[in-house]
Amino acid sequence: MTESKKLADEYLRLGGRRKAKVDDNIVSTRTWDDEPAEADAYWQEHIAPLDDKRRREVELLLPSMNDV
């Protein structure tokens, strides 16, 4: 299991609700619902500070907006 997978799995386990949005190879996340404080704190502490490449790796492991 990669470090990116571990980060994404823990975020989702905490109830994270962000969805990956991939458009023309640009990756971002979207969330419309409030997410649990633990998940948001985890994102801010462990994922948001990552460099662009590593954060993109984590974001690609989240559920996709296209899967809805």
PDB file of N, CA and C in Angstrom:
ATOM      1  N   MET A   1       0.849  -1.171   0.000  1.00  0.00           N
ATOM      2  CA  MET A   1       0.000   0.000   0.000  1.00  0.00           C
ATOM      3  C   MET A   1       0.901   1.242   0.000  1.00  0.00           C
ATOM      4  N   THR A   2       0.608   2.161  -0.885  1.00  0.00           N
ATOM      5  CA  THR A   2       1.418   3.377  -0.979  1.00  0.00           C
ATOM      6  C   THR A   2       1.021   4.374   0.106  1.00  0.00           C
ATOM      7  N   GLU A   3       1.890   5.327   0.352  1.00  0.00           N
ATOM      8  CA  GLU A   3       1.598   6.376   1.336  1.00  0.00           C
ATOM      9  C   GLU A   3       0.368   7.177   0.901  1.00  0.00           C
ATOM     10  N   SER A   4       0.226   7.440  -0.390  1.00  0.00           N
ATOM     11  CA  SER A   4      -0.941   8.176  -0.883  1.00  0.00           C
ATOM     12  C   SER A   4      -2.227   7.410  -0.602  1.00  0.00           C
ATOM     13  N   LYS A   5      -2.195   6.109  -0.807  1.00  0.00           N
ATOM     14  CA  LYS A   5      -3.369   5.263  -0.550  1.00  0.00           C
ATOM     15  C   LYS A   5      -3.716   5.282   0.937  1.00  0.00           C
ATOM     16  N   LYS A   6      -2.697   5.219   1.787  1.00  0.00           N
ATOM     17  CA  LYS A   6      -2.937   5.268   3.234  1.00  0.00           C
ATOM     18  C   LYS A   6      -3.595   6.581   3.636  1.00  0.00           C
ATOM     19  N   LEU A   7      -3.102   7.688   3.077  1.00  0.00           N
ATOM     20  CA  LEU A   7      -3.681   8.993   3.391  1.00  0.00           C
ATOM     21  C   LEU A   7      -5.135   9.076   2.934  1.00  0.00           C
ATOM     22  N   ALA A   8      -5.402   8.647   1.711  1.00  0.00           N
ATOM     23  CA  ALA A   8      -6.771   8.696   1.184  1.00  0.00           C
ATOM     24  C   ALA A   8      -7.698   7.796   1.987  1.00  0.00           C
ATOM     25  N   ASP A   9      -7.247   6.597   2.315  1.00  0.00           N
ATOM     26  CA  ASP A   9      -8.077   5.668   3.077  1.00  0.00           C
ATOM     27  C   ASP A   9      -8.415   6.215   4.462  1.00  0.00           C
ATOM     28  N   GLU A  10      -7.429   6.804   5.126  1.00  0.00           N
ATOM     29  CA  GLU A  10      -7.677   7.350   6.468  1.00  0.00           C
ATOM     30  C   GLU A  10      -8.643   8.528   6.394  1.00  0.00           C
ATOM     31  N   TYR A  11      -8.474   9.384   5.420  1.00  0.00           N
ATOM     32  CA  TYR A  11      -9.390  10.515   5.227  1.00  0.00           C
ATOM     33  C   TYR A  11     -10.817  10.007   5.032  1.00  0.00           C
ATOM     34  N   LEU A  12     -10.997   9.020   4.188  1.00  0.00           N
ATOM     35  CA  LEU A  12     -12.332   8.472   3.940  1.00  0.00           C
ATOM     36  C   LEU A  12     -12.874   7.751   5.181  1.00  0.00           C
ATOM     37  N   ARG A  13     -12.018   7.062   5.909  1.00  0.00           N
ATOM     38  CA  ARG A  13     -12.435   6.371   7.126  1.00  0.00           C
ATOM     39  C   ARG A  13     -12.977   7.363   8.159  1.00  0.00           C
ATOM     40  N   LEU A  14     -12.412   8.566   8.169  1.00  0.00           N
ATOM     41  CA  LEU A  14     -12.856   9.594   9.103  1.00  0.00           C
ATOM     42  C   LEU A  14     -14.145  10.272   8.631  1.00  0.00           C
ATOM     43  N   GLY A  15     -14.666   9.840   7.498  1.00  0.00           N
ATOM     44  CA  GLY A  15     -15.927  10.386   6.995  1.00  0.00           C
ATOM     45  C   GLY A  15     -15.768  11.482   5.967  1.00  0.00           C
ATOM     46  N   GLY A  16     -14.559  11.630   5.410  1.00  0.00           N
ATOM     47  CA  GLY A  16     -14.320  12.658   4.399  1.00  0.00           C
ATOM     48  C   GLY A  16     -15.259  12.504   3.215  1.00  0.00           C
ATOM     49  N   ARG A  17     -15.720  13.637   2.702  1.00  0.00           N
ATOM     50  CA  ARG A  17     -16.713  13.601   1.622  1.00  0.00           C
ATOM     51  C   ARG A  17     -16.256  14.266   0.339  1.00  0.00           C
ATOM     52  N   ARG A  18     -15.014  14.640   0.269  1.00  0.00           N
ATOM     53  CA  ARG A  18     -14.524  15.269  -0.966  1.00  0.00           C
ATOM     54  C   ARG A  18     -14.566  14.255  -2.104  1.00  0.00           C
ATOM     55  N   LYS A  19     -14.822  14.759  -3.282  1.00  0.00           N
ATOM     56  CA  LYS A  19     -14.841  13.941  -4.501  1.00  0.00           C
ATOM     57  C   LYS A  19     -13.767  14.463  -5.448  1.00  0.00           C
ATOM     58  N   ALA A  20     -13.121  13.557  -6.136  1.00  0.00           N
ATOM     59  CA  ALA A  20     -12.116  13.950  -7.118  1.00  0.00           C
ATOM     60  C   ALA A  20     -12.809  14.446  -8.378  1.00  0.00           C
ATOM     61  N   LYS A  21     -12.280  15.534  -8.916  1.00  0.00           N
ATOM     62  CA  LYS A  21     -12.779  16.070 -10.180  1.00  0.00           C
ATOM     63  C   LYS A  21     -11.597  16.133 -11.131  1.00  0.00           C
ATOM     64  N   VAL A  22     -11.680  15.378 -12.215  1.00  0.00           N
ATOM     65  CA  VAL A  22     -10.610  15.352 -13.201  1.00  0.00           C
ATOM     66  C   VAL A  22     -11.172  15.920 -14.497  1.00  0.00           C
ATOM     67  N   ASP A  23     -10.547  16.996 -14.947  1.00  0.00           N
ATOM     68  CA  ASP A  23     -11.009  17.663 -16.161  1.00  0.00           C
ATOM     69  C   ASP A  23      -9.784  18.101 -16.950  1.00  0.00           C
ATOM     70  N   ASP A  24      -9.609  17.554 -18.126  1.00  0.00           N
ATOM     71  CA  ASP A  24      -8.443  17.864 -18.967  1.00  0.00           C
ATOM     72  C   ASP A  24      -7.136  17.673 -18.192  1.00  0.00           C
ATOM     73  N   ASN A  25      -7.043  16.562 -17.480  1.00  0.00           N
ATOM     74  CA  ASN A  25      -5.856  16.196 -16.690  1.00  0.00           C
ATOM     75  C   ASN A  25      -5.566  17.139 -15.527  1.00  0.00           C
ATOM     76  N   ILE A  26      -6.521  18.011 -15.197  1.00  0.00           N
ATOM     77  CA  ILE A  26      -6.391  18.852 -14.013  1.00  0.00           C
ATOM     78  C   ILE A  26      -7.218  18.197 -12.917  1.00  0.00           C
ATOM     79  N   VAL A  27      -6.572  17.911 -11.792  1.00  0.00           N
ATOM     80  CA  VAL A  27      -7.236  17.215 -10.702  1.00  0.00           C
ATOM     81  C   VAL A  27      -7.510  18.205  -9.585  1.00  0.00           C
ATOM     82  N   SER A  28      -8.739  18.180  -9.095  1.00  0.00           N
ATOM     83  CA  SER A  28      -9.105  18.992  -7.945  1.00  0.00           C
ATOM     84  C   SER A  28     -10.131  18.209  -7.146  1.00  0.00           C
ATOM     85  N   THR A  29     -10.537  18.753  -6.027  1.00  0.00           N
ATOM     86  CA  THR A  29     -11.571  18.099  -5.232  1.00  0.00           C
ATOM     87  C   THR A  29     -12.715  19.067  -5.021  1.00  0.00           C
ATOM     88  N   ARG A  30     -13.881  18.500  -4.813  1.00  0.00           N
ATOM     89  CA  ARG A  30     -15.090  19.268  -4.535  1.00  0.00           C
ATOM     90  C   ARG A  30     -15.806  18.613  -3.377  1.00  0.00           C
ATOM     91  N   THR A  31     -16.420  19.437  -2.550  1.00  0.00           N
ATOM     92  CA  THR A  31     -17.299  18.924  -1.503  1.00  0.00           C
ATOM     93  C   THR A  31     -18.456  19.895  -1.356  1.00  0.00           C
ATOM     94  N   TRP A  32     -19.654  19.350  -1.321  1.00  0.00           N
ATOM     95  CA  TRP A  32     -20.841  20.180  -1.190  1.00  0.00           C
ATOM     96  C   TRP A  32     -21.463  20.055   0.193  1.00  0.00           C
ATOM     97  N   ASP A  33     -21.193  18.981   0.864  1.00  0.00           N
ATOM     98  CA  ASP A  33     -21.741  18.744   2.190  1.00  0.00           C
ATOM     99  C   ASP A  33     -20.665  18.991   3.231  1.00  0.00           C
ATOM    100  N   ASP A  34     -21.112  19.430   4.415  1.00  0.00           N
ATOM    101  CA  ASP A  34     -20.148  19.543   5.503  1.00  0.00           C
ATOM    102  C   ASP A  34     -19.598  18.160   5.791  1.00  0.00           C
ATOM    103  N   GLU A  35     -18.316  18.123   6.054  1.00  0.00           N
ATOM    104  CA  GLU A  35     -17.728  16.847   6.410  1.00  0.00           C
ATOM    105  C   GLU A  35     -17.377  16.875   7.893  1.00  0.00           C
ATOM    106  N   PRO A  36     -17.226  15.720   8.486  1.00  0.00           N
ATOM    107  CA  PRO A  36     -16.900  15.669   9.905  1.00  0.00           C
ATOM    108  C   PRO A  36     -15.622  16.474  10.205  1.00  0.00           C
ATOM    109  N   ALA A  37     -15.591  17.083  11.361  1.00  0.00           N
ATOM    110  CA  ALA A  37     -14.447  17.909  11.755  1.00  0.00           C
ATOM    111  C   ALA A  37     -13.149  17.106  11.729  1.00  0.00           C
ATOM    112  N   GLU A  38     -13.204  15.842  12.137  1.00  0.00           N
ATOM    113  CA  GLU A  38     -11.995  15.005  12.131  1.00  0.00           C
ATOM    114  C   GLU A  38     -11.438  14.841  10.717  1.00  0.00           C
ATOM    115  N   ALA A  39     -12.322  14.614   9.752  1.00  0.00           N
ATOM    116  CA  ALA A  39     -11.890  14.435   8.366  1.00  0.00           C
ATOM    117  C   ALA A  39     -11.301  15.731   7.818  1.00  0.00           C
ATOM    118  N   ASP A  40     -11.955  16.852   8.099  1.00  0.00           N
ATOM    119  CA  ASP A  40     -11.449  18.139   7.627  1.00  0.00           C
ATOM    120  C   ASP A  40     -10.095  18.447   8.257  1.00  0.00           C
ATOM    121  N   ALA A  41      -9.953  18.204   9.550  1.00  0.00           N
ATOM    122  CA  ALA A  41      -8.680  18.448  10.229  1.00  0.00           C
ATOM    123  C   ALA A  41      -7.590  17.553   9.650  1.00  0.00           C
ATOM    124  N   TYR A  42      -7.930  16.299   9.375  1.00  0.00           N
ATOM    125  CA  TYR A  42      -6.957  15.368   8.788  1.00  0.00           C
ATOM    126  C   TYR A  42      -6.504  15.885   7.419  1.00  0.00           C
ATOM    127  N   TRP A  43      -7.459  16.329   6.604  1.00  0.00           N
ATOM    128  CA  TRP A  43      -7.132  16.857   5.277  1.00  0.00           C
ATOM    129  C   TRP A  43      -6.179  18.049   5.411  1.00  0.00           C
ATOM    130  N   GLN A  44      -6.538  18.991   6.284  1.00  0.00           N
ATOM    131  CA  GLN A  44      -5.737  20.204   6.445  1.00  0.00           C
ATOM    132  C   GLN A  44      -4.335  19.903   6.970  1.00  0.00           C
ATOM    133  N   GLU A  45      -4.210  18.923   7.844  1.00  0.00           N
ATOM    134  CA  GLU A  45      -2.920  18.613   8.461  1.00  0.00           C
ATOM    135  C   GLU A  45      -2.037  17.700   7.622  1.00  0.00           C
ATOM    136  N   HIS A  46      -2.640  16.720   6.945  1.00  0.00           N
ATOM    137  CA  HIS A  46      -1.839  15.691   6.277  1.00  0.00           C
ATOM    138  C   HIS A  46      -1.838  15.751   4.747  1.00  0.00           C
ATOM    139  N   ILE A  47      -2.878  16.295   4.155  1.00  0.00           N
ATOM    140  CA  ILE A  47      -2.979  16.243   2.690  1.00  0.00           C
ATOM    141  C   ILE A  47      -2.786  17.618   2.052  1.00  0.00           C
ATOM    142  N   ALA A  48      -3.435  18.646   2.578  1.00  0.00           N
ATOM    143  CA  ALA A  48      -3.313  19.987   2.000  1.00  0.00           C
ATOM    144  C   ALA A  48      -1.865  20.473   1.901  1.00  0.00           C
ATOM    145  N   PRO A  49      -1.004  20.181   2.881  1.00  0.00           N
ATOM    146  CA  PRO A  49       0.376  20.675   2.791  1.00  0.00           C
ATOM    147  C   PRO A  49       1.268  19.950   1.778  1.00  0.00           C
ATOM    148  N   LEU A  50       0.816  18.849   1.221  1.00  0.00           N
ATOM    149  CA  LEU A  50       1.635  18.087   0.278  1.00  0.00           C
ATOM    150  C   LEU A  50       1.933  18.914  -0.961  1.00  0.00           C
ATOM    151  N   ASP A  51       3.041  18.609  -1.612  1.00  0.00           N
ATOM    152  CA  ASP A  51       3.315  19.283  -2.883  1.00  0.00           C
ATOM    153  C   ASP A  51       2.259  18.846  -3.900  1.00  0.00           C
ATOM    154  N   ASP A  52       2.148  19.579  -4.978  1.00  0.00           N
ATOM    155  CA  ASP A  52       1.077  19.341  -5.961  1.00  0.00           C
ATOM    156  C   ASP A  52       1.026  17.898  -6.460  1.00  0.00           C
ATOM    157  N   LYS A  53       2.194  17.334  -6.743  1.00  0.00           N
ATOM    158  CA  LYS A  53       2.222  15.973  -7.290  1.00  0.00           C
ATOM    159  C   LYS A  53       1.683  14.954  -6.279  1.00  0.00           C
ATOM    160  N   ARG A  54       2.135  15.039  -5.052  1.00  0.00           N
ATOM    161  CA  ARG A  54       1.688  14.071  -4.033  1.00  0.00           C
ATOM    162  C   ARG A  54       0.210  14.274  -3.691  1.00  0.00           C
ATOM    163  N   ARG A  55      -0.248  15.544  -3.613  1.00  0.00           N
ATOM    164  CA  ARG A  55      -1.659  15.797  -3.325  1.00  0.00           C
ATOM    165  C   ARG A  55      -2.532  15.254  -4.460  1.00  0.00           C
ATOM    166  N   ARG A  56      -2.074  15.388  -5.697  1.00  0.00           N
ATOM    167  CA  ARG A  56      -2.815  14.862  -6.848  1.00  0.00           C
ATOM    168  C   ARG A  56      -2.945  13.341  -6.751  1.00  0.00           C
ATOM    169  N   GLU A  57      -1.866  12.671  -6.319  1.00  0.00           N
ATOM    170  CA  GLU A  57      -1.913  11.215  -6.152  1.00  0.00           C
ATOM    171  C   GLU A  57      -2.999  10.819  -5.145  1.00  0.00           C
ATOM    172  N   VAL A  58      -3.085  11.560  -4.044  1.00  0.00           N
ATOM    173  CA  VAL A  58      -4.117  11.274  -3.034  1.00  0.00           C
ATOM    174  C   VAL A  58      -5.500  11.565  -3.609  1.00  0.00           C
ATOM    175  N   GLU A  59      -5.661  12.707  -4.248  1.00  0.00           N
ATOM    176  CA  GLU A  59      -6.966  13.090  -4.786  1.00  0.00           C
ATOM    177  C   GLU A  59      -7.487  12.070  -5.799  1.00  0.00           C
ATOM    178  N   LEU A  60      -6.591  11.494  -6.595  1.00  0.00           N
ATOM    179  CA  LEU A  60      -7.023  10.509  -7.585  1.00  0.00           C
ATOM    180  C   LEU A  60      -7.523   9.215  -6.944  1.00  0.00           C
ATOM    181  N   LEU A  61      -7.232   9.009  -5.675  1.00  0.00           N
ATOM    182  CA  LEU A  61      -7.691   7.821  -4.970  1.00  0.00           C
ATOM    183  C   LEU A  61      -9.038   8.026  -4.271  1.00  0.00           C
ATOM    184  N   LEU A  62      -9.547   9.253  -4.307  1.00  0.00           N
ATOM    185  CA  LEU A  62     -10.860   9.541  -3.731  1.00  0.00           C
ATOM    186  C   LEU A  62     -11.949   9.121  -4.726  1.00  0.00           C
ATOM    187  N   PRO A  63     -13.162   8.938  -4.222  1.00  0.00           N
ATOM    188  CA  PRO A  63     -14.264   8.674  -5.167  1.00  0.00           C
ATOM    189  C   PRO A  63     -14.347   9.814  -6.183  1.00  0.00           C
ATOM    190  N   SER A  64     -14.699   9.474  -7.395  1.00  0.00           N
ATOM    191  CA  SER A  64     -14.770  10.465  -8.468  1.00  0.00           C
ATOM    192  C   SER A  64     -16.165  11.056  -8.582  1.00  0.00           C
ATOM    193  N   MET A  65     -16.229  12.325  -8.957  1.00  0.00           N
ATOM    194  CA  MET A  65     -17.522  12.938  -9.231  1.00  0.00           C
ATOM    195  C   MET A  65     -18.222  12.212 -10.364  1.00  0.00           C
ATOM    196  N   ASN A  66     -17.470  11.621 -11.259  1.00  0.00           N
ATOM    197  CA  ASN A  66     -18.038  10.897 -12.400  1.00  0.00           C
ATOM    198  C   ASN A  66     -18.687   9.584 -11.998  1.00  0.00           C
ATOM    199  N   ASP A  67     -18.353   9.078 -10.795  1.00  0.00           N
ATOM    200  CA  ASP A  67     -18.909   7.804 -10.344  1.00  0.00           C
ATOM    201  C   ASP A  67     -20.306   7.941  -9.756  1.00  0.00           C
ATOM    202  N   VAL A  68     -20.746   9.164  -9.559  1.00  0.00           N
ATOM    203  CA  VAL A  68     -22.042   9.388  -8.912  1.00  0.00           C
ATOM    204  C   VAL A  68     -23.174   9.102  -9.855  1.00  0.00           C
TER     205      VAL A  68
END
